[in-house]
Amino acid sequence: MAEQRENWSGRTGFIIAAIGSAVGLGNIWRFPYVAYDNGGGAFMVPYLIALLTAGIPLLFLDYIIGHRYRAAPPRAYRKMVRSAQFVGWWQTLVSFVIAIYYAAVIVWAGSYMFFSFGQKWGEDTTTFFVSDFVKHTGDLTSVFVPQMFTGLIIVWALAMLIMFGGIRKGVELANKICIPLLIVLFGIMVFKAISLPGATIGLNAFFEPNWEKMKDPNVWLAAYGHVFFSLSVGFGIMVTYASYLKKNTNLTGAGLVVGFANSSFELLAGIGIFAAIGFMAMSTGQDVAEVASGGVGLAFFVFPKIISTMGSSGDFVGFLFFGSLVIAGISSLISILEVPISAFQDKFDWSRKKAVGVIGGSCAAISIVAFSTGSSLVLVDVIDHFANNIGIVAGGLMSIVWVMWFNRQKIPGLLAHINRISSVKLGGAWVFMLTVITPTVLTIALGLKLIDLVREPYEGYSATILLLFGWGIVVFFGLGAFIFTRIKGRHDDEDDQARLNDPTL
């Protein structure tokens, strides 16, 4: 009897959900600064080249594997090549860990939606966030932070409610609400920002090309690294999402829409953020370089300062900005959670409700306990850095090496599968990119990052913190993947038999 697997209602539902996954917090607070810091307008050249030679080709590989083998990463990779199950579990555990801390960042943004009214952060926005709000002490601490505890319960209750709804009534429906809402909220924010006096100062800084930067290999690595993270490739999301597609879906067409929609939103984010930064630079008499920053600094230190210079209208802009972060975060969180939930359904034949209860419940419990203390800023910073720069990069690199290098006999079957149902056909160029260009760039990026982390403690954190929550997380990915690979799954025998009966699998 054929297994019943949930499906998206159609290609549009899948595309909206995939865009919801790709458009996350990083698009709003990471891309504008990365672009500005790496050549401004000139950065768009390596960015587009990276998108076309690495991001979209790897996105297509994830789509093919998920759609052809109709399973979450561990089972999908195992169906293709038995030994590749390890790659699938590595990617699944990366998603599991990211979900745990991602919820904390959503709580930060959600809290700031309400802090925007009356601009409760006062004059010193950095001290307010670090000391007054998250109670950061610079090290691990057991100081209880009630607003984090309450916020985490709300975020996880919402996430679990969506996940219990399944693919159509949960994930797809949530994205159909979130993505239009995100576009409206952020669109209004951008319109408001570009109408501010001084906006052109910021936009000139953002778009003015510094062609000299193109000679710096680090700029190219930054472009490839950003595209890789931004598209949600390399840690199982797109494999999982593609497994819920109907059998004759146009995969390449969907991939191109997702890739360029994600990049378009990043460009919109850059325009909005730098228009606001230009306004602040003019208001305070500072240079744009003194105001601009990325990551947590942009969202919770710089942007509140910008809002404070706007007077009472800043309340509305702050609500729009932080509301956009919350919605982008929720749409990404549910995509991240879907990976381990689907993987455990596949492995142990669990029902949807059991998988959501056990896996989602475990994530929620760890998240609430770990991030309801003054350690939340340290933990988010360290875990995010290691999970992204080692976990995701290594997961993507392993998937390429396992398929494109060690099991090249599978490539004709993968190409035949996607070309049979897609409008844009793949061929030698796609194979070349994934065999040579993408793995070369990822190997260099991973190697340089490992050297950097070994040579110098990340952000000066203590050896204990880095060993436990940095390197310890990486060991968890590897050890956990090895253990789950050794545990016999409910469908292992039938998958092995199917592979023997049909060598093209």
Protein backbone atom coordinates (compact mmCIF):
# COMPACT_ATOMS: atom_id res chain seq x y z
CA MET A 1 0.00 0.00 0.00
CA ALA A 2 1.44 3.39 -1.05
CA GLU A 3 2.36 5.79 1.72
CA GLN A 4 0.24 8.91 2.00
CA ARG A 5 2.32 12.06 2.22
CA GLU A 6 0.85 15.49 2.77
CA ASN A 7 0.89 17.92 -0.16
CA TRP A 8 0.81 21.64 -0.69
CA SER A 9 -2.50 22.80 -2.18
CA GLY A 10 -0.55 23.74 -5.31
CA ARG A 11 2.64 25.28 -6.69
CA THR A 12 1.66 28.74 -5.43
CA GLY A 13 1.28 27.49 -1.86
CA PHE A 14 4.75 25.94 -2.04
CA ILE A 15 6.33 29.08 -3.53
CA ILE A 16 4.81 31.30 -0.82
CA ALA A 17 6.02 28.92 1.92
CA ALA A 18 9.51 28.71 0.35
CA ILE A 19 9.70 32.51 0.14
CA GLY A 20 8.50 32.66 3.75
CA SER A 21 11.37 30.41 4.75
CA ALA A 22 13.98 32.26 2.71
CA VAL A 23 12.84 35.74 3.79
CA GLY A 24 13.90 35.82 7.42
CA LEU A 25 15.58 38.07 9.94
CA GLY A 26 18.86 37.92 7.99
CA ASN A 27 17.36 39.64 4.95
CA ILE A 28 16.36 42.67 7.01
CA TRP A 29 19.29 43.08 9.37
CA ARG A 30 22.17 41.27 7.63
CA PHE A 31 22.05 41.93 3.89
CA PRO A 32 22.01 45.78 3.94
CA TYR A 33 25.16 45.95 6.05
CA VAL A 34 26.95 43.13 4.17
CA ALA A 35 26.29 44.91 0.87
CA TYR A 36 27.35 48.32 2.23
CA ASP A 37 30.50 46.91 3.83
CA ASN A 38 31.55 45.02 0.69
CA GLY A 39 31.43 47.60 -2.04
CA GLY A 40 27.88 49.02 -1.98
CA GLY A 41 26.41 48.97 -5.47
CA ALA A 42 29.44 47.04 -6.74
CA PHE A 43 28.56 44.21 -4.32
CA MET A 44 25.53 43.43 -6.48
CA VAL A 45 27.88 41.96 -9.13
CA PRO A 46 29.40 39.17 -6.96
CA TYR A 47 26.03 38.81 -5.21
CA LEU A 48 24.19 38.05 -8.50
CA ILE A 49 27.03 35.80 -9.70
CA ALA A 50 26.88 33.91 -6.38
CA LEU A 51 23.11 33.62 -6.66
CA LEU A 52 23.31 32.14 -10.18
CA THR A 53 26.37 29.91 -9.70
CA ALA A 54 25.79 28.62 -6.16
CA GLY A 55 22.52 29.67 -4.53
CA ILE A 56 20.02 28.65 -7.21
CA PRO A 57 21.98 25.52 -8.37
CA LEU A 58 22.08 24.25 -4.76
CA LEU A 59 18.41 25.19 -4.33
CA PHE A 60 17.65 23.02 -7.39
CA LEU A 61 19.65 20.11 -5.88
CA ASP A 62 17.60 20.34 -2.66
CA TYR A 63 14.38 20.46 -4.69
CA ILE A 64 15.31 17.42 -6.78
CA ILE A 65 16.29 15.27 -3.79
CA GLY A 66 13.19 16.20 -1.78
CA HIS A 67 10.78 15.83 -4.71
CA ARG A 68 12.28 12.66 -6.24
CA TYR A 69 12.59 10.74 -2.96
CA ARG A 70 9.54 12.32 -1.25
CA ALA A 71 10.94 12.46 2.27
CA ALA A 72 12.68 14.70 4.80
CA PRO A 73 16.51 14.87 4.46
CA PRO A 74 17.56 11.69 6.36
CA ARG A 75 15.25 9.34 4.49
CA ALA A 76 15.55 11.22 1.17
CA TYR A 77 19.35 10.98 1.19
CA ARG A 78 19.20 7.35 2.35
CA LYS A 79 16.82 6.45 -0.48
CA MET A 80 19.35 7.89 -2.90
CA VAL A 81 22.60 6.62 -1.32
CA ARG A 82 22.47 4.56 1.85
CA SER A 83 25.58 6.19 3.38
CA ALA A 84 24.21 9.69 2.72
CA GLN A 85 21.69 9.36 5.57
CA PHE A 86 24.38 10.93 7.79
CA VAL A 87 24.17 14.15 5.73
CA GLY A 88 20.40 14.23 6.19
CA TRP A 89 20.63 13.86 9.96
CA TRP A 90 23.38 16.49 10.18
CA GLN A 91 21.10 18.97 8.37
CA THR A 92 18.12 17.97 10.53
CA LEU A 93 20.00 18.55 13.78
CA VAL A 94 21.24 21.94 12.53
CA SER A 95 17.59 22.93 12.01
CA PHE A 96 16.65 21.60 15.46
CA VAL A 97 19.31 23.77 17.14
CA ILE A 98 18.55 26.88 15.07
CA ALA A 99 14.85 26.64 16.00
CA ILE A 100 15.74 26.70 19.71
CA TYR A 101 17.52 30.08 19.62
CA TYR A 102 15.61 31.64 16.70
CA ALA A 103 12.54 31.89 18.92
CA ALA A 104 14.47 34.11 21.35
CA VAL A 105 15.26 36.64 18.60
CA ILE A 106 11.56 36.72 17.64
CA VAL A 107 10.76 37.54 21.28
CA TRP A 108 13.28 40.40 21.22
CA ALA A 109 11.63 41.83 18.09
CA GLY A 110 8.12 41.29 19.49
CA SER A 111 8.99 43.10 22.70
CA TYR A 112 10.39 46.03 20.72
CA MET A 113 7.14 46.33 18.77
CA PHE A 114 5.58 47.47 22.04
CA PHE A 115 8.65 49.37 23.29
CA SER A 116 8.24 51.50 20.13
CA PHE A 117 5.17 53.17 21.59
CA GLY A 118 6.56 55.95 23.74
CA GLN A 119 10.09 54.88 22.69
CA LYS A 120 10.74 53.17 26.00
CA TRP A 121 14.44 52.53 25.26
CA GLY A 122 15.31 56.13 26.18
CA GLU A 123 18.55 57.86 25.17
CA ASP A 124 21.00 54.97 25.56
CA THR A 125 19.53 52.26 23.33
CA THR A 126 22.49 49.88 23.76
CA THR A 127 22.34 49.89 27.56
CA PHE A 128 18.56 49.49 27.48
CA PHE A 129 18.75 46.35 25.31
CA VAL A 130 21.80 44.76 26.91
CA SER A 131 21.27 45.58 30.59
CA ASP A 132 17.63 46.56 31.13
CA PHE A 133 15.92 44.20 28.69
CA VAL A 134 17.91 40.97 28.24
CA LYS A 135 19.84 41.41 31.54
CA HIS A 136 23.13 40.52 29.83
CA THR A 137 26.09 40.15 32.20
CA GLY A 138 28.76 39.21 29.64
CA ASP A 139 28.87 35.57 30.77
CA LEU A 140 26.55 32.68 31.62
CA THR A 141 24.06 33.67 34.29
CA SER A 142 20.95 32.23 35.92
CA VAL A 143 19.24 35.64 36.30
CA PHE A 144 15.56 35.06 35.42
CA VAL A 145 14.10 37.44 32.80
CA PRO A 146 10.27 37.35 33.12
CA GLN A 147 9.54 39.12 29.80
CA MET A 148 11.67 36.57 27.90
CA PHE A 149 9.87 33.70 29.65
CA THR A 150 6.42 35.10 28.77
CA GLY A 151 7.47 35.96 25.21
CA LEU A 152 8.94 32.52 24.56
CA ILE A 153 5.77 30.80 25.76
CA ILE A 154 3.70 32.94 23.36
CA VAL A 155 6.04 32.34 20.38
CA TRP A 156 6.21 28.59 20.96
CA ALA A 157 2.45 28.30 21.53
CA LEU A 158 1.89 30.02 18.16
CA ALA A 159 4.52 27.89 16.41
CA MET A 160 3.11 24.64 17.83
CA LEU A 161 -0.43 25.63 16.86
CA ILE A 162 0.73 26.20 13.26
CA MET A 163 2.71 22.94 13.17
CA PHE A 164 -0.23 20.90 14.51
CA GLY A 165 -2.25 22.21 11.55
CA GLY A 166 -0.08 20.24 9.15
CA ILE A 167 1.21 21.35 5.76
CA ARG A 168 -1.91 22.90 4.20
CA LYS A 169 -3.89 24.08 7.23
CA GLY A 170 -0.82 25.03 9.25
CA VAL A 171 2.42 25.91 7.41
CA GLU A 172 0.86 26.97 4.09
CA LEU A 173 -1.98 28.95 5.66
CA ALA A 174 0.39 30.74 8.06
CA ASN A 175 2.65 31.77 5.17
CA LYS A 176 -0.30 32.96 3.08
CA ILE A 177 -1.10 35.33 5.95
CA CYS A 178 2.49 36.21 6.94
CA ILE A 179 4.06 37.00 3.57
CA PRO A 180 1.47 39.52 2.27
CA LEU A 181 1.39 41.09 5.75
CA LEU A 182 5.19 41.30 5.79
CA ILE A 183 5.26 42.96 2.36
CA VAL A 184 2.59 45.50 3.40
CA LEU A 185 4.21 46.34 6.77
CA PHE A 186 7.73 46.56 5.41
CA GLY A 187 6.57 48.36 2.26
CA ILE A 188 4.95 51.10 4.37
CA MET A 189 8.12 51.32 6.49
CA VAL A 190 10.32 51.69 3.39
CA PHE A 191 8.00 54.33 1.89
CA LYS A 192 8.13 56.28 5.15
CA ALA A 193 11.93 55.93 5.34
CA ILE A 194 12.67 57.18 1.79
CA SER A 195 10.46 60.23 2.38
CA LEU A 196 12.61 61.34 5.35
CA PRO A 197 15.03 64.26 4.96
CA GLY A 198 18.55 62.91 4.46
CA ALA A 199 17.34 59.58 3.06
CA THR A 200 19.38 60.14 -0.12
CA ILE A 201 22.58 60.33 1.97
CA GLY A 202 22.00 56.76 3.17
CA LEU A 203 20.88 55.51 -0.25
CA ASN A 204 23.98 56.99 -1.91
CA ALA A 205 26.16 55.20 0.66
CA PHE A 206 24.28 51.94 0.06
CA PHE A 207 24.33 52.03 -3.76
CA GLU A 208 27.54 53.93 -4.56
CA PRO A 209 29.81 51.32 -6.18
CA ASN A 210 33.31 50.82 -4.81
CA TRP A 211 34.81 48.83 -7.66
CA GLU A 212 38.16 48.49 -5.87
CA LYS A 213 36.45 46.11 -3.43
CA MET A 214 35.91 43.62 -6.26
CA LYS A 215 39.63 42.75 -6.11
CA ASP A 216 39.23 41.54 -2.52
CA PRO A 217 38.50 37.77 -2.39
CA ASN A 218 36.76 38.27 0.97
CA VAL A 219 34.06 40.30 -0.78
CA TRP A 220 33.34 37.36 -3.09
CA LEU A 221 33.30 34.97 -0.14
CA ALA A 222 30.88 37.30 1.65
CA ALA A 223 28.59 37.24 -1.40
CA TYR A 224 28.59 33.45 -1.66
CA GLY A 225 28.20 33.07 2.10
CA HIS A 226 25.24 35.42 2.27
CA VAL A 227 23.40 33.90 -0.70
CA PHE A 228 23.92 30.45 0.77
CA PHE A 229 22.38 31.35 4.15
CA SER A 230 19.70 33.59 2.71
CA LEU A 231 18.04 30.99 0.47
CA SER A 232 17.57 28.40 3.27
CA VAL A 233 19.73 25.84 1.46
CA GLY A 234 22.05 23.37 3.13
CA PHE A 235 20.07 22.59 6.26
CA GLY A 236 17.17 20.52 5.01
CA ILE A 237 14.33 23.04 4.66
CA MET A 238 14.02 23.00 0.88
CA VAL A 239 14.48 19.21 0.71
CA THR A 240 11.59 18.86 3.17
CA TYR A 241 9.36 21.46 1.50
CA ALA A 242 9.93 19.94 -1.98
CA SER A 243 8.92 16.50 -0.65
CA TYR A 244 5.36 17.83 -0.17
CA LEU A 245 5.05 18.94 -3.81
CA LYS A 246 2.75 17.18 -6.26
CA LYS A 247 4.45 14.89 -8.75
CA ASN A 248 4.45 17.12 -11.85
CA THR A 249 5.39 20.47 -10.32
CA ASN A 250 7.64 22.80 -12.34
CA LEU A 251 10.68 22.72 -10.03
CA THR A 252 13.09 25.05 -11.82
CA GLY A 253 10.38 27.65 -12.44
CA ALA A 254 9.49 27.61 -8.74
CA GLY A 255 13.17 27.81 -7.75
CA LEU A 256 13.82 30.88 -9.90
CA VAL A 257 10.75 32.64 -8.48
CA VAL A 258 11.86 31.89 -4.91
CA GLY A 259 15.48 32.92 -5.55
CA PHE A 260 14.69 36.25 -7.17
CA ALA A 261 11.79 37.06 -4.81
CA ASN A 262 14.17 36.59 -1.88
CA SER A 263 16.81 38.84 -3.50
CA SER A 264 14.20 41.49 -4.34
CA PHE A 265 13.11 41.62 -0.69
CA GLU A 266 16.74 41.99 0.39
CA LEU A 267 17.15 44.94 -1.97
CA LEU A 268 13.94 46.50 -0.58
CA ALA A 269 15.30 45.98 2.95
CA GLY A 270 18.55 47.71 1.99
CA ILE A 271 16.67 50.72 0.60
CA GLY A 272 14.50 51.06 3.72
CA ILE A 273 17.30 50.54 6.24
CA PHE A 274 19.81 52.86 4.58
CA ALA A 275 17.24 55.59 3.92
CA ALA A 276 16.59 55.59 7.68
CA ILE A 277 20.34 55.50 8.45
CA GLY A 278 20.84 58.50 6.13
CA PHE A 279 18.15 60.40 8.02
CA MET A 280 19.85 59.66 11.33
CA ALA A 281 23.27 60.62 9.96
CA MET A 282 21.89 64.01 8.88
CA SER A 283 19.97 64.54 12.14
CA THR A 284 22.98 63.84 14.35
CA GLY A 285 25.72 65.25 12.12
CA GLN A 286 27.46 61.87 11.95
CA ASP A 287 28.84 60.04 8.94
CA VAL A 288 26.87 57.07 7.58
CA ALA A 289 29.82 54.79 8.43
CA GLU A 290 29.49 55.77 12.10
CA VAL A 291 25.78 54.92 12.17
CA ALA A 292 25.62 51.77 10.03
CA SER A 293 25.96 48.33 11.58
CA GLY A 294 24.63 44.84 11.02
CA GLY A 295 22.95 42.10 13.04
CA VAL A 296 21.69 42.68 16.56
CA GLY A 297 23.37 46.10 16.58
CA LEU A 298 21.31 47.37 13.64
CA ALA A 299 17.97 46.08 14.90
CA PHE A 300 18.18 46.85 18.60
CA PHE A 301 20.82 49.59 19.00
CA VAL A 302 20.76 51.67 15.79
CA PHE A 303 17.15 51.45 14.66
CA PRO A 304 15.68 52.56 18.00
CA LYS A 305 18.03 55.58 17.84
CA ILE A 306 16.71 56.35 14.34
CA ILE A 307 13.13 56.09 15.64
CA SER A 308 13.94 58.43 18.52
CA THR A 309 15.04 61.15 16.07
CA MET A 310 11.63 60.97 14.31
CA GLY A 311 9.58 62.28 17.19
CA SER A 312 6.11 60.80 17.72
CA SER A 313 5.90 59.42 14.15
CA GLY A 314 8.79 57.14 15.12
CA ASP A 315 6.38 55.05 17.21
CA PHE A 316 4.59 53.97 14.03
CA VAL A 317 7.81 53.32 12.09
CA GLY A 318 9.18 51.25 14.99
CA PHE A 319 6.02 49.19 15.16
CA LEU A 320 6.24 48.50 11.40
CA PHE A 321 9.95 47.61 11.51
CA PHE A 322 9.82 45.29 14.51
CA GLY A 323 6.47 43.86 13.37
CA SER A 324 8.19 42.96 10.08
CA LEU A 325 10.97 41.21 12.00
CA VAL A 326 8.42 39.18 14.00
CA ILE A 327 6.49 38.06 10.91
CA ALA A 328 9.68 37.23 8.96
CA GLY A 329 10.89 35.31 12.01
CA ILE A 330 7.70 33.29 12.47
CA SER A 331 7.55 32.27 8.78
CA SER A 332 11.18 31.10 8.99
CA LEU A 333 10.79 29.38 12.38
CA ILE A 334 7.98 27.13 11.16
CA SER A 335 10.05 26.12 8.11
CA ILE A 336 13.02 25.30 10.34
CA LEU A 337 10.82 23.24 12.69
CA GLU A 338 9.29 21.31 9.81
CA VAL A 339 12.65 19.61 9.08
CA PRO A 340 13.09 17.62 12.35
CA ILE A 341 9.32 17.05 12.67
CA SER A 342 9.14 15.51 9.19
CA ALA A 343 12.40 13.58 9.72
CA PHE A 344 11.08 11.84 12.85
CA GLN A 345 7.76 11.10 11.13
CA ASP A 346 9.71 9.36 8.37
CA LYS A 347 12.13 7.52 10.66
CA PHE A 348 9.73 6.12 13.23
CA ASP A 349 6.39 6.27 11.39
CA TRP A 350 5.05 8.74 13.93
CA SER A 351 1.79 10.59 13.39
CA ARG A 352 1.98 14.31 12.72
CA LYS A 353 0.61 15.10 16.18
CA LYS A 354 3.15 12.87 17.93
CA ALA A 355 6.08 14.30 15.96
CA VAL A 356 4.99 17.90 16.66
CA GLY A 357 4.37 17.09 20.33
CA VAL A 358 7.71 15.36 20.90
CA ILE A 359 10.05 17.37 18.65
CA GLY A 360 8.30 20.75 18.84
CA GLY A 361 7.74 20.25 22.56
CA SER A 362 11.43 19.42 23.12
CA CYS A 363 12.57 22.50 21.17
CA ALA A 364 10.13 24.67 23.12
CA ALA A 365 11.16 23.30 26.52
CA ILE A 366 14.91 23.74 25.87
CA SER A 367 14.33 27.19 24.37
CA ILE A 368 12.21 28.45 27.28
CA VAL A 369 14.65 27.13 29.93
CA ALA A 370 17.83 28.33 28.17
CA PHE A 371 16.68 31.73 26.92
CA SER A 372 14.58 32.97 29.83
CA THR A 373 17.78 34.01 31.61
CA GLY A 374 20.33 36.78 31.23
CA SER A 375 22.43 34.38 29.14
CA SER A 376 20.18 34.71 26.09
CA LEU A 377 22.37 37.23 24.25
CA VAL A 378 25.54 35.16 24.75
CA LEU A 379 23.84 31.92 23.75
CA VAL A 380 22.18 33.37 20.62
CA ASP A 381 25.46 34.96 19.51
CA VAL A 382 27.67 31.88 20.01
CA ILE A 383 25.23 29.18 18.85
CA ASP A 384 24.15 31.21 15.81
CA HIS A 385 27.77 31.81 14.76
CA PHE A 386 28.79 28.15 14.95
CA ALA A 387 25.51 26.73 13.59
CA ASN A 388 25.58 29.06 10.56
CA ASN A 389 29.27 29.22 9.75
CA ILE A 390 30.07 25.55 10.39
CA GLY A 391 26.78 23.64 10.65
CA ILE A 392 25.00 24.99 7.56
CA VAL A 393 28.11 25.35 5.38
CA ALA A 394 29.30 21.82 6.22
CA GLY A 395 25.79 20.41 5.65
CA GLY A 396 25.55 21.97 2.21
CA LEU A 397 29.11 20.99 1.30
CA MET A 398 28.56 17.36 2.38
CA SER A 399 25.36 17.11 0.30
CA ILE A 400 27.25 18.31 -2.80
CA VAL A 401 30.28 16.06 -2.21
CA TRP A 402 28.15 12.96 -1.51
CA VAL A 403 26.09 13.41 -4.67
CA MET A 404 28.24 15.27 -7.21
CA TRP A 405 31.60 13.68 -6.34
CA PHE A 406 31.17 10.27 -4.73
CA ASN A 407 27.95 9.17 -6.44
CA ARG A 408 28.10 10.75 -9.87
CA GLN A 409 26.20 7.80 -11.33
CA LYS A 410 23.10 9.32 -9.71
CA ILE A 411 23.38 12.61 -11.65
CA PRO A 412 21.73 11.46 -14.93
CA GLY A 413 18.70 10.19 -12.97
CA LEU A 414 18.43 13.46 -11.00
CA LEU A 415 18.68 15.52 -14.20
CA ALA A 416 16.11 13.36 -15.98
CA HIS A 417 13.72 13.79 -13.04
CA ILE A 418 13.84 17.59 -12.91
CA ASN A 419 13.96 18.09 -16.69
CA ARG A 420 10.90 15.90 -17.23
CA ILE A 421 8.68 18.26 -15.21
CA SER A 422 10.42 21.66 -15.40
CA SER A 423 10.30 24.59 -17.81
CA VAL A 424 13.99 25.55 -17.48
CA LYS A 425 16.14 22.52 -18.30
CA LEU A 426 19.35 21.73 -16.41
CA GLY A 427 22.47 20.25 -17.97
CA GLY A 428 26.27 20.44 -17.97
CA ALA A 429 26.43 24.00 -16.62
CA TRP A 430 24.44 23.02 -13.51
CA VAL A 431 26.64 19.94 -12.98
CA PHE A 432 29.82 22.02 -13.41
CA MET A 433 28.69 24.66 -10.92
CA LEU A 434 27.85 22.09 -8.25
CA THR A 435 30.90 19.94 -8.96
CA VAL A 436 33.52 22.70 -9.08
CA ILE A 437 32.43 26.26 -8.22
CA THR A 438 30.13 25.85 -5.21
CA PRO A 439 32.19 23.22 -3.33
CA THR A 440 35.39 25.20 -3.94
CA VAL A 441 33.92 28.40 -2.49
CA LEU A 442 32.29 26.58 0.44
CA THR A 443 35.51 24.68 1.25
CA ILE A 444 37.51 27.93 1.29
CA ALA A 445 34.86 29.69 3.40
CA LEU A 446 34.66 26.80 5.87
CA GLY A 447 38.46 26.43 6.05
CA LEU A 448 39.03 30.14 6.69
CA LYS A 449 36.31 30.21 9.34
CA LEU A 450 37.76 27.16 11.16
CA ILE A 451 41.25 28.71 11.13
CA ASP A 452 39.80 31.96 12.44
CA LEU A 453 37.87 30.23 15.25
CA VAL A 454 40.87 28.14 16.33
CA ARG A 455 43.31 31.05 16.17
CA GLU A 456 41.23 33.52 18.16
CA PRO A 457 38.31 32.97 20.62
CA TYR A 458 35.10 34.20 18.98
CA GLU A 459 34.22 37.68 20.31
CA GLY A 460 36.58 37.06 23.24
CA TYR A 461 34.17 34.64 24.96
CA SER A 462 35.56 32.28 27.61
CA ALA A 463 36.84 28.84 26.61
CA THR A 464 33.99 27.23 28.62
CA ILE A 465 31.26 29.04 26.67
CA LEU A 466 32.89 28.33 23.30
CA LEU A 467 33.52 24.66 24.10
CA LEU A 468 29.99 24.06 25.39
CA PHE A 469 27.86 26.12 23.03
CA GLY A 470 30.16 26.54 20.04
CA TRP A 471 32.28 23.48 19.39
CA GLY A 472 29.91 21.41 21.55
CA ILE A 473 27.06 22.20 19.15
CA VAL A 474 29.20 21.08 16.17
CA VAL A 475 30.02 17.81 17.99
CA PHE A 476 26.28 17.40 18.66
CA PHE A 477 25.58 17.63 14.90
CA GLY A 478 28.17 14.98 14.08
CA LEU A 479 27.57 12.61 16.98
CA GLY A 480 23.80 12.93 16.75
CA ALA A 481 23.86 12.29 13.00
CA PHE A 482 26.01 9.17 13.57
CA ILE A 483 23.68 7.80 16.29
CA PHE A 484 20.45 8.38 14.33
CA THR A 485 22.03 6.83 11.25
CA ARG A 486 22.74 3.67 13.27
CA ILE A 487 19.15 3.39 14.58
CA LYS A 488 17.01 1.26 12.29
CA GLY A 489 14.09 3.12 10.74
CA ARG A 490 10.62 1.69 10.10
CA HIS A 491 11.04 1.94 6.31
CA ASP A 492 14.75 1.07 5.92
CA ASP A 493 14.19 -2.43 4.52
CA GLU A 494 11.60 -1.37 1.95
CA ASP A 495 13.78 1.58 0.87
CA ASP A 496 16.77 -0.73 0.42
CA GLN A 497 14.64 -3.15 -1.60
CA ALA A 498 13.29 -0.32 -3.77
CA ARG A 499 16.85 0.84 -4.49
CA LEU A 500 17.83 -2.70 -5.53
CA ASN A 501 14.79 -3.12 -7.77
CA ASP A 502 15.26 0.25 -9.44
CA PRO A 503 18.97 1.18 -9.83
CA THR A 504 18.00 4.64 -11.17
CA LEU A 505 16.91 5.55 -7.63
